Amino acid sequence: FLAPEKKAWSGNQGLLDDKADVYSFGVIAYYILMRDMPLGYFELPSHRYSDLKYNWDHLITACLQSNPAKRPSSL
């Protein structure tokens, strides 16, 4: 799954870092939980599953920030 900055990548490798992988992890985590892709405005896991043990909403929304600077540095 490509992060937004990889889709717009124009050959400047200095713009890409591990935060693109964090974005991809967020997409995969969302898909595993929800069985759907997080496109546009998407439903958060807590809206569908009220008994989740962890705060998946926070993890997924943090990982799927379109601005790489707003994503976590590591998982």
PDB file of N, CA and C in Angstrom:
ATOM      1  N   PHE A   1       0.848  -1.170   0.000  1.00  0.00           N
ATOM      2  CA  PHE A   1       0.000   0.000   0.000  1.00  0.00           C
ATOM      3  C   PHE A   1       0.888   1.225   0.000  1.00  0.00           C
ATOM      4  N   LEU A   2       0.658   2.107  -0.930  1.00  0.00           N
ATOM      5  CA  LEU A   2       1.506   3.284  -1.060  1.00  0.00           C
ATOM      6  C   LEU A   2       1.029   4.425  -0.182  1.00  0.00           C
ATOM      7  N   ALA A   3       1.965   5.035   0.512  1.00  0.00           N
ATOM      8  CA  ALA A   3       1.685   6.244   1.269  1.00  0.00           C
ATOM      9  C   ALA A   3       1.485   7.392   0.287  1.00  0.00           C
ATOM     10  N   PRO A   4       0.757   8.439   0.691  1.00  0.00           N
ATOM     11  CA  PRO A   4       0.515   9.567  -0.225  1.00  0.00           C
ATOM     12  C   PRO A   4       1.792  10.169  -0.792  1.00  0.00           C
ATOM     13  N   GLU A   5       2.846  10.241   0.025  1.00  0.00           N
ATOM     14  CA  GLU A   5       4.080  10.839  -0.477  1.00  0.00           C
ATOM     15  C   GLU A   5       4.768   9.947  -1.500  1.00  0.00           C
ATOM     16  N   LYS A   6       4.535   8.645  -1.463  1.00  0.00           N
ATOM     17  CA  LYS A   6       5.106   7.757  -2.483  1.00  0.00           C
ATOM     18  C   LYS A   6       4.334   7.876  -3.795  1.00  0.00           C
ATOM     19  N   LYS A   7       3.044   8.121  -3.708  1.00  0.00           N
ATOM     20  CA  LYS A   7       2.249   8.294  -4.924  1.00  0.00           C
ATOM     21  C   LYS A   7       2.672   9.540  -5.682  1.00  0.00           C
ATOM     22  N   ALA A   8       3.075  10.566  -4.952  1.00  0.00           N
ATOM     23  CA  ALA A   8       3.470  11.830  -5.571  1.00  0.00           C
ATOM     24  C   ALA A   8       4.985  11.927  -5.761  1.00  0.00           C
ATOM     25  N   TRP A   9       5.686  10.849  -5.484  1.00  0.00           N
ATOM     26  CA  TRP A   9       7.140  10.849  -5.528  1.00  0.00           C
ATOM     27  C   TRP A   9       7.639  11.164  -6.933  1.00  0.00           C
ATOM     28  N   SER A  10       8.584  12.087  -7.005  1.00  0.00           N
ATOM     29  CA  SER A  10       9.097  12.485  -8.321  1.00  0.00           C
ATOM     30  C   SER A  10      10.590  12.213  -8.453  1.00  0.00           C
ATOM     31  N   GLY A  11      11.084  11.201  -7.738  1.00  0.00           N
ATOM     32  CA  GLY A  11      12.498  10.879  -7.863  1.00  0.00           C
ATOM     33  C   GLY A  11      13.364  11.431  -6.757  1.00  0.00           C
ATOM     34  N   ASN A  12      12.825  12.196  -5.847  1.00  0.00           N
ATOM     35  CA  ASN A  12      13.603  12.745  -4.742  1.00  0.00           C
ATOM     36  C   ASN A  12      13.538  11.776  -3.572  1.00  0.00           C
ATOM     37  N   GLN A  13      14.527  10.905  -3.437  1.00  0.00           N
ATOM     38  CA  GLN A  13      14.513   9.883  -2.398  1.00  0.00           C
ATOM     39  C   GLN A  13      14.629  10.468  -0.992  1.00  0.00           C
ATOM     40  N   GLY A  14      15.056  11.684  -0.861  1.00  0.00           N
ATOM     41  CA  GLY A  14      15.172  12.318   0.449  1.00  0.00           C
ATOM     42  C   GLY A  14      13.817  12.500   1.125  1.00  0.00           C
ATOM     43  N   LEU A  15      12.731  12.469   0.369  1.00  0.00           N
ATOM     44  CA  LEU A  15      11.403  12.663   0.940  1.00  0.00           C
ATOM     45  C   LEU A  15      10.829  11.389   1.560  1.00  0.00           C
ATOM     46  N   LEU A  16      11.395  10.248   1.229  1.00  0.00           N
ATOM     47  CA  LEU A  16      10.843   8.986   1.699  1.00  0.00           C
ATOM     48  C   LEU A  16      11.615   8.474   2.904  1.00  0.00           C
ATOM     49  N   ASP A  17      10.869   7.991   3.902  1.00  0.00           N
ATOM     50  CA  ASP A  17      11.497   7.419   5.084  1.00  0.00           C
ATOM     51  C   ASP A  17      10.604   6.321   5.646  1.00  0.00           C
ATOM     52  N   ASP A  18      10.859   5.907   6.852  1.00  0.00           N
ATOM     53  CA  ASP A  18      10.113   4.814   7.474  1.00  0.00           C
ATOM     54  C   ASP A  18       8.646   5.152   7.709  1.00  0.00           C
ATOM     55  N   LYS A  19       8.297   6.414   7.675  1.00  0.00           N
ATOM     56  CA  LYS A  19       6.907   6.797   7.923  1.00  0.00           C
ATOM     57  C   LYS A  19       5.977   6.342   6.800  1.00  0.00           C
ATOM     58  N   ALA A  20       6.521   6.072   5.642  1.00  0.00           N
ATOM     59  CA  ALA A  20       5.713   5.485   4.572  1.00  0.00           C
ATOM     60  C   ALA A  20       5.312   4.060   4.951  1.00  0.00           C
ATOM     61  N   ASP A  21       6.196   3.354   5.633  1.00  0.00           N
ATOM     62  CA  ASP A  21       5.880   2.010   6.110  1.00  0.00           C
ATOM     63  C   ASP A  21       4.842   2.057   7.230  1.00  0.00           C
ATOM     64  N   VAL A  22       4.886   3.092   8.047  1.00  0.00           N
ATOM     65  CA  VAL A  22       3.893   3.268   9.109  1.00  0.00           C
ATOM     66  C   VAL A  22       2.511   3.437   8.483  1.00  0.00           C
ATOM     67  N   TYR A  23       2.438   4.198   7.408  1.00  0.00           N
ATOM     68  CA  TYR A  23       1.174   4.371   6.693  1.00  0.00           C
ATOM     69  C   TYR A  23       0.659   3.026   6.183  1.00  0.00           C
ATOM     70  N   SER A  24       1.535   2.263   5.553  1.00  0.00           N
ATOM     71  CA  SER A  24       1.146   0.947   5.037  1.00  0.00           C
ATOM     72  C   SER A  24       0.657   0.033   6.149  1.00  0.00           C
ATOM     73  N   PHE A  25       1.316   0.078   7.304  1.00  0.00           N
ATOM     74  CA  PHE A  25       0.868  -0.717   8.446  1.00  0.00           C
ATOM     75  C   PHE A  25      -0.544  -0.320   8.851  1.00  0.00           C
ATOM     76  N   GLY A  26      -0.837   0.984   8.853  1.00  0.00           N
ATOM     77  CA  GLY A  26      -2.175   1.453   9.208  1.00  0.00           C
ATOM     78  C   GLY A  26      -3.235   0.919   8.265  1.00  0.00           C
ATOM     79  N   VAL A  27      -2.921   0.866   6.985  1.00  0.00           N
ATOM     80  CA  VAL A  27      -3.870   0.328   5.998  1.00  0.00           C
ATOM     81  C   VAL A  27      -4.106  -1.151   6.267  1.00  0.00           C
ATOM     82  N   ILE A  28      -3.046  -1.899   6.506  1.00  0.00           N
ATOM     83  CA  ILE A  28      -3.173  -3.339   6.750  1.00  0.00           C
ATOM     84  C   ILE A  28      -3.937  -3.602   8.045  1.00  0.00           C
ATOM     85  N   ALA A  29      -3.618  -2.868   9.111  1.00  0.00           N
ATOM     86  CA  ALA A  29      -4.322  -3.052  10.383  1.00  0.00           C
ATOM     87  C   ALA A  29      -5.811  -2.761  10.215  1.00  0.00           C
ATOM     88  N   TYR A  30      -6.133  -1.696   9.501  1.00  0.00           N
ATOM     89  CA  TYR A  30      -7.534  -1.356   9.267  1.00  0.00           C
ATOM     90  C   TYR A  30      -8.233  -2.469   8.489  1.00  0.00           C
ATOM     91  N   TYR A  31      -7.584  -2.973   7.454  1.00  0.00           N
ATOM     92  CA  TYR A  31      -8.195  -4.010   6.631  1.00  0.00           C
ATOM     93  C   TYR A  31      -8.429  -5.295   7.430  1.00  0.00           C
ATOM     94  N   ILE A  32      -7.476  -5.663   8.262  1.00  0.00           N
ATOM     95  CA  ILE A  32      -7.624  -6.870   9.075  1.00  0.00           C
ATOM     96  C   ILE A  32      -8.804  -6.729  10.038  1.00  0.00           C
ATOM     97  N   LEU A  33      -8.942  -5.561  10.649  1.00  0.00           N
ATOM     98  CA  LEU A  33     -10.035  -5.347  11.609  1.00  0.00           C
ATOM     99  C   LEU A  33     -11.393  -5.184  10.938  1.00  0.00           C
ATOM    100  N   MET A  34     -11.430  -4.433   9.850  1.00  0.00           N
ATOM    101  CA  MET A  34     -12.709  -4.004   9.276  1.00  0.00           C
ATOM    102  C   MET A  34     -13.094  -4.740   7.995  1.00  0.00           C
ATOM    103  N   ARG A  35     -12.167  -5.454   7.381  1.00  0.00           N
ATOM    104  CA  ARG A  35     -12.421  -6.155   6.112  1.00  0.00           C
ATOM    105  C   ARG A  35     -12.831  -5.189   5.008  1.00  0.00           C
ATOM    106  N   ASP A  36     -12.225  -4.015   5.034  1.00  0.00           N
ATOM    107  CA  ASP A  36     -12.520  -2.968   4.060  1.00  0.00           C
ATOM    108  C   ASP A  36     -11.306  -2.051   3.979  1.00  0.00           C
ATOM    109  N   MET A  37     -11.184  -1.315   2.896  1.00  0.00           N
ATOM    110  CA  MET A  37     -10.074  -0.373   2.740  1.00  0.00           C
ATOM    111  C   MET A  37     -10.443   0.972   3.341  1.00  0.00           C
ATOM    112  N   PRO A  38      -9.479   1.653   3.976  1.00  0.00           N
ATOM    113  CA  PRO A  38      -9.747   2.964   4.557  1.00  0.00           C
ATOM    114  C   PRO A  38      -9.652   4.072   3.502  1.00  0.00           C
ATOM    115  N   LEU A  39     -10.716   4.262   2.760  1.00  0.00           N
ATOM    116  CA  LEU A  39     -10.729   5.258   1.687  1.00  0.00           C
ATOM    117  C   LEU A  39     -11.557   6.463   2.107  1.00  0.00           C
ATOM    118  N   GLY A  40     -11.028   7.649   1.883  1.00  0.00           N
ATOM    119  CA  GLY A  40     -11.763   8.875   2.209  1.00  0.00           C
ATOM    120  C   GLY A  40     -12.094   8.940   3.696  1.00  0.00           C
ATOM    121  N   TYR A  41     -13.348   9.218   3.997  1.00  0.00           N
ATOM    122  CA  TYR A  41     -13.805   9.190   5.382  1.00  0.00           C
ATOM    123  C   TYR A  41     -14.246   7.773   5.675  1.00  0.00           C
ATOM    124  N   PHE A  42     -13.549   7.121   6.590  1.00  0.00           N
ATOM    125  CA  PHE A  42     -13.827   5.718   6.863  1.00  0.00           C
ATOM    126  C   PHE A  42     -14.309   5.515   8.297  1.00  0.00           C
ATOM    127  N   GLU A  43     -15.069   4.459   8.479  1.00  0.00           N
ATOM    128  CA  GLU A  43     -15.604   4.106   9.792  1.00  0.00           C
ATOM    129  C   GLU A  43     -14.470   3.635  10.695  1.00  0.00           C
ATOM    130  N   LEU A  44     -14.472   4.106  11.937  1.00  0.00           N
ATOM    131  CA  LEU A  44     -13.450   3.689  12.891  1.00  0.00           C
ATOM    132  C   LEU A  44     -13.851   2.363  13.526  1.00  0.00           C
ATOM    133  N   PRO A  45     -12.871   1.550  13.906  1.00  0.00           N
ATOM    134  CA  PRO A  45     -13.177   0.244  14.489  1.00  0.00           C
ATOM    135  C   PRO A  45     -14.109   0.295  15.698  1.00  0.00           C
ATOM    136  N   SER A  46     -13.988   1.301  16.541  1.00  0.00           N
ATOM    137  CA  SER A  46     -14.822   1.369  17.744  1.00  0.00           C
ATOM    138  C   SER A  46     -16.300   1.580  17.410  1.00  0.00           C
ATOM    139  N   HIS A  47     -16.596   2.104  16.247  1.00  0.00           N
ATOM    140  CA  HIS A  47     -17.995   2.288  15.852  1.00  0.00           C
ATOM    141  C   HIS A  47     -18.654   0.970  15.480  1.00  0.00           C
ATOM    142  N   ARG A  48     -17.849   0.025  15.033  1.00  0.00           N
ATOM    143  CA  ARG A  48     -18.386  -1.280  14.646  1.00  0.00           C
ATOM    144  C   ARG A  48     -18.258  -2.304  15.778  1.00  0.00           C
ATOM    145  N   TYR A  49     -17.159  -2.194  16.543  1.00  0.00           N
ATOM    146  CA  TYR A  49     -16.886  -3.161  17.612  1.00  0.00           C
ATOM    147  C   TYR A  49     -16.723  -2.418  18.940  1.00  0.00           C
ATOM    148  N   SER A  50     -17.675  -2.553  19.813  1.00  0.00           N
ATOM    149  CA  SER A  50     -17.640  -1.815  21.077  1.00  0.00           C
ATOM    150  C   SER A  50     -16.773  -2.482  22.143  1.00  0.00           C
ATOM    151  N   ASP A  51     -16.354  -3.716  21.919  1.00  0.00           N
ATOM    152  CA  ASP A  51     -15.612  -4.458  22.943  1.00  0.00           C
ATOM    153  C   ASP A  51     -14.131  -4.647  22.616  1.00  0.00           C
ATOM    154  N   LEU A  52     -13.531  -3.752  21.853  1.00  0.00           N
ATOM    155  CA  LEU A  52     -12.113  -3.874  21.501  1.00  0.00           C
ATOM    156  C   LEU A  52     -11.241  -3.679  22.735  1.00  0.00           C
ATOM    157  N   LYS A  53     -10.195  -4.475  22.832  1.00  0.00           N
ATOM    158  CA  LYS A  53      -9.306  -4.422  23.990  1.00  0.00           C
ATOM    159  C   LYS A  53      -8.348  -3.223  23.919  1.00  0.00           C
ATOM    160  N   TYR A  54      -7.931  -2.856  22.725  1.00  0.00           N
ATOM    161  CA  TYR A  54      -6.962  -1.767  22.543  1.00  0.00           C
ATOM    162  C   TYR A  54      -7.605  -0.597  21.802  1.00  0.00           C
ATOM    163  N   ASN A  55      -6.935   0.541  21.836  1.00  0.00           N
ATOM    164  CA  ASN A  55      -7.439   1.737  21.163  1.00  0.00           C
ATOM    165  C   ASN A  55      -6.987   1.727  19.697  1.00  0.00           C
ATOM    166  N   TRP A  56      -7.646   0.896  18.897  1.00  0.00           N
ATOM    167  CA  TRP A  56      -7.311   0.779  17.483  1.00  0.00           C
ATOM    168  C   TRP A  56      -7.604   2.068  16.728  1.00  0.00           C
ATOM    169  N   ASP A  57      -8.610   2.814  17.156  1.00  0.00           N
ATOM    170  CA  ASP A  57      -8.935   4.090  16.499  1.00  0.00           C
ATOM    171  C   ASP A  57      -7.720   5.007  16.498  1.00  0.00           C
ATOM    172  N   HIS A  58      -7.087   5.128  17.643  1.00  0.00           N
ATOM    173  CA  HIS A  58      -5.935   6.021  17.777  1.00  0.00           C
ATOM    174  C   HIS A  58      -4.773   5.544  16.906  1.00  0.00           C
ATOM    175  N   LEU A  59      -4.477   4.249  16.962  1.00  0.00           N
ATOM    176  CA  LEU A  59      -3.370   3.705  16.170  1.00  0.00           C
ATOM    177  C   LEU A  59      -3.599   3.917  14.675  1.00  0.00           C
ATOM    178  N   ILE A  60      -4.779   3.590  14.220  1.00  0.00           N
ATOM    179  CA  ILE A  60      -5.068   3.687  12.787  1.00  0.00           C
ATOM    180  C   ILE A  60      -5.091   5.131  12.317  1.00  0.00           C
ATOM    181  N   THR A  61      -5.746   6.012  13.059  1.00  0.00           N
ATOM    182  CA  THR A  61      -5.783   7.415  12.626  1.00  0.00           C
ATOM    183  C   THR A  61      -4.399   8.055  12.677  1.00  0.00           C
ATOM    184  N   ALA A  62      -3.558   7.642  13.630  1.00  0.00           N
ATOM    185  CA  ALA A  62      -2.193   8.178  13.687  1.00  0.00           C
ATOM    186  C   ALA A  62      -1.371   7.689  12.493  1.00  0.00           C
ATOM    187  N   CYS A  63      -1.507   6.420  12.160  1.00  0.00           N
ATOM    188  CA  CYS A  63      -0.729   5.850  11.047  1.00  0.00           C
ATOM    189  C   CYS A  63      -1.188   6.369   9.693  1.00  0.00           C
ATOM    190  N   LEU A  64      -2.468   6.691   9.554  1.00  0.00           N
ATOM    191  CA  LEU A  64      -3.009   7.083   8.250  1.00  0.00           C
ATOM    192  C   LEU A  64      -3.036   8.599   8.026  1.00  0.00           C
ATOM    193  N   GLN A  65      -2.271   9.336   8.776  1.00  0.00           N
ATOM    194  CA  GLN A  65      -2.164  10.774   8.532  1.00  0.00           C
ATOM    195  C   GLN A  65      -1.561  11.000   7.148  1.00  0.00           C
ATOM    196  N   SER A  66      -2.151  11.887   6.367  1.00  0.00           N
ATOM    197  CA  SER A  66      -1.616  12.145   5.024  1.00  0.00           C
ATOM    198  C   SER A  66      -0.280  12.883   5.081  1.00  0.00           C
ATOM    199  N   ASN A  67      -0.063  13.650   6.131  1.00  0.00           N
ATOM    200  CA  ASN A  67       1.201  14.361   6.322  1.00  0.00           C
ATOM    201  C   ASN A  67       2.152  13.453   7.085  1.00  0.00           C
ATOM    202  N   PRO A  68       3.267  13.039   6.485  1.00  0.00           N
ATOM    203  CA  PRO A  68       4.192  12.118   7.164  1.00  0.00           C
ATOM    204  C   PRO A  68       4.714  12.652   8.496  1.00  0.00           C
ATOM    205  N   ALA A  69       4.849  13.954   8.633  1.00  0.00           N
ATOM    206  CA  ALA A  69       5.354  14.536   9.876  1.00  0.00           C
ATOM    207  C   ALA A  69       4.401  14.288  11.048  1.00  0.00           C
ATOM    208  N   LYS A  70       3.136  14.034  10.770  1.00  0.00           N
ATOM    209  CA  LYS A  70       2.156  13.791  11.822  1.00  0.00           C
ATOM    210  C   LYS A  70       2.053  12.311  12.209  1.00  0.00           C
ATOM    211  N   ARG A  71       2.684  11.424  11.445  1.00  0.00           N
ATOM    212  CA  ARG A  71       2.654   9.995  11.750  1.00  0.00           C
ATOM    213  C   ARG A  71       3.664   9.656  12.829  1.00  0.00           C
ATOM    214  N   PRO A  72       3.447   8.548  13.546  1.00  0.00           N
ATOM    215  CA  PRO A  72       4.451   8.099  14.537  1.00  0.00           C
ATOM    216  C   PRO A  72       5.782   7.796  13.855  1.00  0.00           C
ATOM    217  N   SER A  73       6.865   8.000  14.593  1.00  0.00           N
ATOM    218  CA  SER A  73       8.193   7.712  14.056  1.00  0.00           C
ATOM    219  C   SER A  73       8.476   6.219  14.003  1.00  0.00           C
ATOM    220  N   SER A  74       7.849   5.487  14.917  1.00  0.00           N
ATOM    221  CA  SER A  74       8.027   4.039  14.948  1.00  0.00           C
ATOM    222  C   SER A  74       6.749   3.411  15.457  1.00  0.00           C
ATOM    223  N   LEU A  75       6.661   2.112  15.313  1.00  0.00           N
ATOM    224  CA  LEU A  75       5.480   1.403  15.782  1.00  0.00           C
ATOM    225  C   LEU A  75       5.808   0.707  17.060  1.00  0.00           C
TER     226      LEU A  75
END
